[in-house]
Amino acid sequence: MFAVTSQYAKILLSYKSTGLPNYLLNKILNMTKRARRQEANRVLIAGFAVFLGIITGVLWAYANPLQLVPGIIQWRTFAFLPPAIGILISPTAGFVSGYVGAVVWSLLASTFIPVHTLIIDGVMSGVTGLIPAMTTGRKFTLSQMASGKQAIVHAVIMSAGATVIMVVAIAASFAVMKIYVFWWALLWVGLSTLVPVLLGTPLAIRYGSRMIQATQWIPTERRKG
């Protein structure tokens, strides 16, 4: 993409000798520069999302003081991170952080099951970051998230809905593999993730949006004003 836009800019500059109006040339060049900045921002976001995913997985593995089913299911205190990351940064960041987080968590917690972790748990954890990002994240600006009640309510509803979808898929996967009974898994996996999402998402969105607006180094696709 960078090579294409750079070559395009050179071609445009060559038109200067042909009499192309300066205002039109400048406008096209500005569009080209903006496209390059957007592409660079997307690359930066992708890398940042992997980093956030690793942090998410570590927190899921070690910051779980409450054992719902000792040795089996823990209270996933930071289950709200993928939805919040997706809403505040981008759909890509939300999905990647959820997927990477699930894989890192399973490796650290010694619960890695190739088919379940890589296909079901990983993908569905990514979905919990993707759906809120494509709904709440695109509907509201960071300013609205920082001060408006409607944005927060919308974020909680979308995050909870995506989490329910994930919980059903994971419970079904456990049942198919004959690890746990479906309804048992649905209950305990639901409690371990849905409650933290309901409690943590409002705070993460409210203060996360303010932090992004106050700093200039956090990459995001969201509108600030």
Protein backbone atom coordinates (compact mmCIF):
# COMPACT_ATOMS: atom_id res chain seq x y z
CA MET A 1 0.00 0.00 0.00
CA PHE A 2 2.80 2.40 0.88
CA ALA A 3 4.56 1.69 -2.41
CA VAL A 4 1.38 2.28 -4.36
CA THR A 5 0.56 5.58 -2.69
CA SER A 6 4.17 6.77 -3.01
CA GLN A 7 4.20 5.96 -6.70
CA TYR A 8 0.84 7.67 -7.06
CA ALA A 9 2.18 10.81 -5.44
CA LYS A 10 5.13 10.88 -7.84
CA ILE A 11 2.79 10.58 -10.80
CA LEU A 12 0.71 13.46 -9.49
CA LEU A 13 3.76 15.63 -9.05
CA SER A 14 4.70 14.99 -12.68
CA TYR A 15 1.40 16.54 -13.72
CA LYS A 16 2.49 19.88 -12.37
CA SER A 17 4.27 20.63 -15.65
CA THR A 18 1.09 19.88 -17.62
CA GLY A 19 -0.84 22.79 -16.19
CA LEU A 20 -3.02 20.90 -13.72
CA PRO A 21 -4.53 23.52 -11.37
CA ASN A 22 -2.56 23.78 -8.14
CA TYR A 23 -5.63 23.66 -5.91
CA LEU A 24 -6.71 20.38 -7.52
CA LEU A 25 -3.22 18.91 -7.34
CA ASN A 26 -2.89 19.86 -3.68
CA LYS A 27 -6.26 18.37 -2.90
CA ILE A 28 -5.33 15.03 -4.49
CA LEU A 29 -1.95 14.99 -2.77
CA ASN A 30 -3.59 15.67 0.58
CA MET A 31 -5.96 12.76 -0.01
CA THR A 32 -2.97 10.55 -0.79
CA LYS A 33 -1.17 11.62 2.39
CA ARG A 34 -4.31 10.99 4.43
CA ALA A 35 -4.63 7.49 2.94
CA ARG A 36 -1.01 6.75 3.89
CA ARG A 37 -1.59 7.94 7.45
CA GLN A 38 -4.69 5.77 7.75
CA GLU A 39 -2.80 2.74 6.49
CA ALA A 40 0.05 3.36 8.94
CA ASN A 41 -2.50 3.73 11.75
CA ARG A 42 -4.10 0.38 10.86
CA VAL A 43 -0.72 -1.36 10.99
CA LEU A 44 0.02 0.27 14.35
CA ILE A 45 -3.38 -0.77 15.70
CA ALA A 46 -2.82 -4.39 14.63
CA GLY A 47 0.49 -4.54 16.48
CA PHE A 48 -0.98 -2.79 19.52
CA ALA A 49 -3.89 -5.26 19.50
CA VAL A 50 -1.51 -8.24 19.76
CA PHE A 51 0.21 -6.57 22.72
CA LEU A 52 -3.16 -5.91 24.40
CA GLY A 53 -4.17 -9.51 23.71
CA ILE A 54 -1.11 -10.80 25.54
CA ILE A 55 -1.83 -8.51 28.50
CA THR A 56 -5.46 -9.70 28.46
CA GLY A 57 -4.41 -13.36 28.54
CA VAL A 58 -2.00 -12.78 31.43
CA LEU A 59 -4.69 -10.97 33.43
CA TRP A 60 -7.21 -13.74 32.71
CA ALA A 61 -4.72 -16.33 33.92
CA TYR A 62 -3.43 -14.63 37.07
CA ALA A 63 -5.95 -11.97 38.14
CA ASN A 64 -8.76 -14.38 38.98
CA PRO A 65 -8.96 -14.48 42.78
CA LEU A 66 -12.45 -15.99 42.95
CA GLN A 67 -12.73 -19.71 42.15
CA LEU A 68 -16.30 -20.46 41.07
CA VAL A 69 -15.56 -24.15 40.56
CA PRO A 70 -12.17 -24.73 42.27
CA GLY A 71 -9.51 -25.83 39.80
CA ILE A 72 -11.90 -25.68 36.85
CA ILE A 73 -13.66 -22.32 36.39
CA GLN A 74 -12.39 -19.01 37.73
CA TRP A 75 -14.00 -15.59 37.86
CA ARG A 76 -12.62 -13.96 34.70
CA THR A 77 -12.23 -10.53 36.27
CA PHE A 78 -11.03 -8.83 33.09
CA ALA A 79 -13.52 -10.42 30.67
CA PHE A 80 -14.60 -6.89 29.69
CA LEU A 81 -11.26 -6.07 28.04
CA PRO A 82 -11.92 -7.31 24.45
CA PRO A 83 -15.29 -5.47 24.21
CA ALA A 84 -13.74 -2.30 25.64
CA ILE A 85 -10.69 -2.52 23.38
CA GLY A 86 -12.89 -3.02 20.32
CA ILE A 87 -15.18 -0.13 21.18
CA LEU A 88 -12.37 2.28 22.01
CA ILE A 89 -9.88 1.36 19.28
CA SER A 90 -11.23 -0.68 16.33
CA PRO A 91 -12.96 -3.94 15.32
CA THR A 92 -9.58 -5.46 14.43
CA ALA A 93 -8.18 -4.60 17.86
CA GLY A 94 -11.25 -6.04 19.59
CA PHE A 95 -11.13 -9.35 17.74
CA VAL A 96 -7.35 -9.80 17.92
CA SER A 97 -7.15 -8.95 21.63
CA GLY A 98 -9.92 -11.45 22.40
CA TYR A 99 -8.44 -14.23 20.28
CA VAL A 100 -4.85 -13.76 21.46
CA GLY A 101 -6.06 -13.34 25.04
CA ALA A 102 -7.90 -16.68 24.96
CA VAL A 103 -4.90 -18.53 23.55
CA VAL A 104 -2.41 -16.95 25.97
CA TRP A 105 -4.75 -17.61 28.92
CA SER A 106 -5.20 -21.29 28.00
CA LEU A 107 -1.44 -21.79 27.67
CA LEU A 108 -0.70 -20.13 31.01
CA ALA A 109 -3.57 -21.88 32.78
CA SER A 110 -2.68 -25.29 31.25
CA THR A 111 -6.15 -25.61 29.72
CA PHE A 112 -5.09 -25.52 26.07
CA ILE A 113 -7.20 -27.87 23.93
CA PRO A 114 -6.18 -27.34 20.27
CA VAL A 115 -9.57 -27.61 18.56
CA HIS A 116 -11.55 -25.93 21.32
CA THR A 117 -9.04 -23.17 22.09
CA LEU A 118 -8.03 -22.20 18.56
CA ILE A 119 -11.41 -22.54 16.88
CA ILE A 120 -14.15 -22.09 19.48
CA ASP A 121 -12.80 -20.24 22.51
CA GLY A 122 -10.36 -18.10 20.52
CA VAL A 123 -12.77 -17.08 17.78
CA MET A 124 -15.70 -16.50 20.11
CA SER A 125 -13.57 -14.46 22.51
CA GLY A 126 -12.63 -12.41 19.48
CA VAL A 127 -16.31 -11.99 18.64
CA THR A 128 -16.90 -10.42 22.07
CA GLY A 129 -14.55 -7.65 20.95
CA LEU A 130 -15.75 -7.50 17.34
CA ILE A 131 -19.52 -7.07 17.77
CA PRO A 132 -19.39 -4.15 20.25
CA ALA A 133 -16.71 -2.50 18.09
CA MET A 134 -18.87 -2.65 14.96
CA THR A 135 -21.96 -1.34 16.77
CA THR A 136 -21.20 0.93 19.72
CA GLY A 137 -17.72 1.85 18.51
CA ARG A 138 -18.98 3.09 15.15
CA LYS A 139 -22.14 4.72 16.49
CA PHE A 140 -20.64 6.96 19.18
CA THR A 141 -17.64 9.28 19.37
CA LEU A 142 -15.07 9.16 22.15
CA SER A 143 -16.53 12.36 23.57
CA GLN A 144 -19.97 10.76 23.79
CA MET A 145 -18.48 7.71 25.48
CA ALA A 146 -16.64 9.91 27.96
CA SER A 147 -19.70 11.83 29.12
CA GLY A 148 -22.91 10.43 27.66
CA LYS A 149 -25.15 7.85 29.32
CA GLN A 150 -26.59 6.50 26.06
CA ALA A 151 -23.19 5.39 24.76
CA ILE A 152 -22.43 3.52 27.98
CA VAL A 153 -25.80 1.72 28.03
CA HIS A 154 -25.37 0.79 24.37
CA ALA A 155 -21.86 -0.52 25.08
CA VAL A 156 -23.06 -2.70 27.95
CA ILE A 157 -25.93 -4.17 25.92
CA MET A 158 -23.74 -4.98 22.90
CA SER A 159 -20.93 -6.38 25.06
CA ALA A 160 -23.31 -8.53 27.08
CA GLY A 161 -25.02 -9.81 23.92
CA ALA A 162 -21.69 -10.78 22.36
CA THR A 163 -20.63 -12.47 25.61
CA VAL A 164 -23.83 -14.54 25.70
CA ILE A 165 -23.11 -15.75 22.16
CA MET A 166 -19.60 -16.74 23.24
CA VAL A 167 -20.83 -18.55 26.36
CA VAL A 168 -23.38 -20.61 24.40
CA ALA A 169 -20.74 -21.60 21.82
CA ILE A 170 -18.21 -22.59 24.49
CA ALA A 171 -20.78 -24.59 26.45
CA ALA A 172 -21.82 -26.39 23.27
CA SER A 173 -18.17 -27.16 22.48
CA PHE A 174 -17.64 -28.63 25.94
CA ALA A 175 -20.78 -30.74 25.54
CA VAL A 176 -19.76 -32.04 22.10
CA MET A 177 -16.32 -33.01 23.41
CA LYS A 178 -18.00 -34.58 26.46
CA ILE A 179 -15.99 -32.46 28.87
CA TYR A 180 -18.97 -30.89 30.66
CA VAL A 181 -22.75 -31.11 30.42
CA PHE A 182 -24.09 -28.22 28.30
CA TRP A 183 -26.32 -26.59 30.92
CA TRP A 184 -23.69 -26.94 33.65
CA ALA A 185 -21.08 -25.27 31.45
CA LEU A 186 -23.57 -22.61 30.35
CA LEU A 187 -24.26 -21.65 33.97
CA TRP A 188 -20.71 -21.49 35.26
CA VAL A 189 -18.98 -20.11 32.17
CA GLY A 190 -21.76 -17.54 31.94
CA LEU A 191 -21.25 -16.43 35.55
CA SER A 192 -17.48 -16.29 35.13
CA THR A 193 -17.64 -13.94 32.13
CA LEU A 194 -20.98 -12.18 31.87
CA VAL A 195 -20.97 -10.60 35.34
CA PRO A 196 -17.49 -9.05 34.92
CA VAL A 197 -18.53 -7.72 31.50
CA LEU A 198 -21.64 -6.08 32.95
CA LEU A 199 -19.68 -4.52 35.80
CA GLY A 200 -16.42 -3.64 34.06
CA THR A 201 -17.51 -2.38 30.64
CA PRO A 202 -19.07 0.92 31.83
CA LEU A 203 -15.95 1.89 33.77
CA ALA A 204 -13.57 0.82 31.01
CA ILE A 205 -15.46 2.76 28.34
CA ARG A 206 -15.96 5.87 30.46
CA TYR A 207 -12.37 6.25 31.65
CA GLY A 208 -10.72 4.63 28.63
CA SER A 209 -12.31 7.14 26.26
CA ARG A 210 -11.14 10.01 28.44
CA MET A 211 -7.61 8.63 28.54
CA ILE A 212 -7.44 8.26 24.75
CA GLN A 213 -8.63 11.83 24.29
CA ALA A 214 -6.12 13.14 26.82
CA THR A 215 -3.15 11.30 25.29
CA GLN A 216 -1.88 11.28 21.73
CA TRP A 217 0.03 7.98 21.66
CA ILE A 218 -2.84 5.46 21.76
CA PRO A 219 -3.78 4.47 18.18
CA THR A 220 -7.50 4.44 17.43
CA GLU A 221 -9.93 4.60 14.51
CA ARG A 222 -12.58 6.31 16.62
CA ARG A 223 -13.79 9.86 16.13
CA LYS A 224 -12.82 12.05 19.06
CA GLY A 225 -15.30 14.88 18.71
